[in-house]
N, C-alpha and C. Protein backbone atom coordinates (compact mmCIF):
# COMPACT_ATOMS: atom_id res chain seq x y z
N UNK A 1 -194.58 66.10 95.35
CA UNK A 1 -193.41 66.98 95.13
C UNK A 1 -193.14 67.86 96.35
N UNK A 2 -191.89 68.16 96.59
CA UNK A 2 -191.55 69.02 97.73
C UNK A 2 -191.97 70.46 97.46
N UNK A 3 -191.90 70.87 96.20
CA UNK A 3 -192.29 72.25 95.87
C UNK A 3 -193.34 72.24 94.76
N UNK A 4 -194.60 72.28 95.11
CA UNK A 4 -195.68 72.34 94.09
C UNK A 4 -195.74 73.73 93.47
N UNK A 5 -194.67 74.11 92.80
CA UNK A 5 -194.60 75.46 92.22
C UNK A 5 -195.73 75.67 91.21
N UNK A 6 -196.02 74.65 90.41
CA UNK A 6 -197.07 74.79 89.41
C UNK A 6 -198.41 75.12 90.05
N UNK A 7 -198.74 74.40 91.12
CA UNK A 7 -200.03 74.63 91.79
C UNK A 7 -200.07 76.03 92.40
N UNK A 8 -198.98 76.40 93.07
CA UNK A 8 -198.94 77.73 93.71
C UNK A 8 -199.04 78.82 92.64
N UNK A 9 -198.32 78.64 91.55
CA UNK A 9 -198.35 79.64 90.48
C UNK A 9 -199.76 79.78 89.92
N UNK A 10 -200.46 78.65 89.78
CA UNK A 10 -201.82 78.70 89.23
C UNK A 10 -202.74 79.45 90.18
N UNK A 11 -202.65 79.14 91.47
CA UNK A 11 -203.54 79.80 92.45
C UNK A 11 -203.22 81.29 92.52
N UNK A 12 -201.94 81.62 92.63
CA UNK A 12 -201.56 83.04 92.73
C UNK A 12 -201.96 83.78 91.46
N UNK A 13 -201.74 83.16 90.32
CA UNK A 13 -202.10 83.82 89.07
C UNK A 13 -203.60 84.08 88.99
N UNK A 14 -204.38 83.10 89.41
CA UNK A 14 -205.84 83.26 89.36
C UNK A 14 -206.28 84.37 90.30
N UNK A 15 -205.70 84.41 91.49
CA UNK A 15 -206.09 85.45 92.46
C UNK A 15 -205.71 86.83 91.93
N UNK A 16 -204.53 86.94 91.37
CA UNK A 16 -204.08 88.24 90.84
C UNK A 16 -205.00 88.68 89.69
N UNK A 17 -205.34 87.73 88.82
CA UNK A 17 -206.21 88.07 87.68
C UNK A 17 -207.56 88.57 88.19
N UNK A 18 -208.13 87.87 89.16
CA UNK A 18 -209.43 88.27 89.70
C UNK A 18 -209.32 89.64 90.37
N UNK A 19 -208.23 89.85 91.12
CA UNK A 19 -208.04 91.12 91.82
C UNK A 19 -207.93 92.27 90.81
N UNK A 20 -207.10 92.09 89.80
CA UNK A 20 -206.91 93.14 88.79
C UNK A 20 -208.22 93.38 88.04
N UNK A 21 -208.94 92.30 87.73
CA UNK A 21 -210.20 92.44 87.00
C UNK A 21 -211.21 93.25 87.82
N UNK A 22 -211.31 92.93 89.10
CA UNK A 22 -212.23 93.66 89.97
C UNK A 22 -211.81 95.13 90.08
N UNK A 23 -210.52 95.38 90.19
CA UNK A 23 -210.04 96.76 90.30
C UNK A 23 -210.38 97.52 89.03
N UNK A 24 -210.14 96.91 87.87
CA UNK A 24 -210.42 97.57 86.60
C UNK A 24 -211.91 97.88 86.49
N UNK A 25 -212.75 96.94 86.93
CA UNK A 25 -214.20 97.18 86.84
C UNK A 25 -214.58 98.35 87.72
N UNK A 26 -214.00 98.43 88.90
CA UNK A 26 -214.34 99.54 89.81
C UNK A 26 -213.89 100.87 89.22
N UNK A 27 -212.70 100.89 88.64
CA UNK A 27 -212.18 102.16 88.08
C UNK A 27 -213.01 102.58 86.86
N UNK A 28 -213.39 101.61 86.04
CA UNK A 28 -214.15 101.98 84.82
C UNK A 28 -215.49 102.59 85.21
N UNK A 29 -216.05 102.12 86.31
CA UNK A 29 -217.35 102.63 86.71
C UNK A 29 -217.19 104.11 87.08
């Protein structure tokens, strides 16, 4: 496909989730 939007969305979503999760863990501490 010319635009693998699904793949990009999956990668970006996973990175954002991990980033937010790490931030939340740091703040809770």
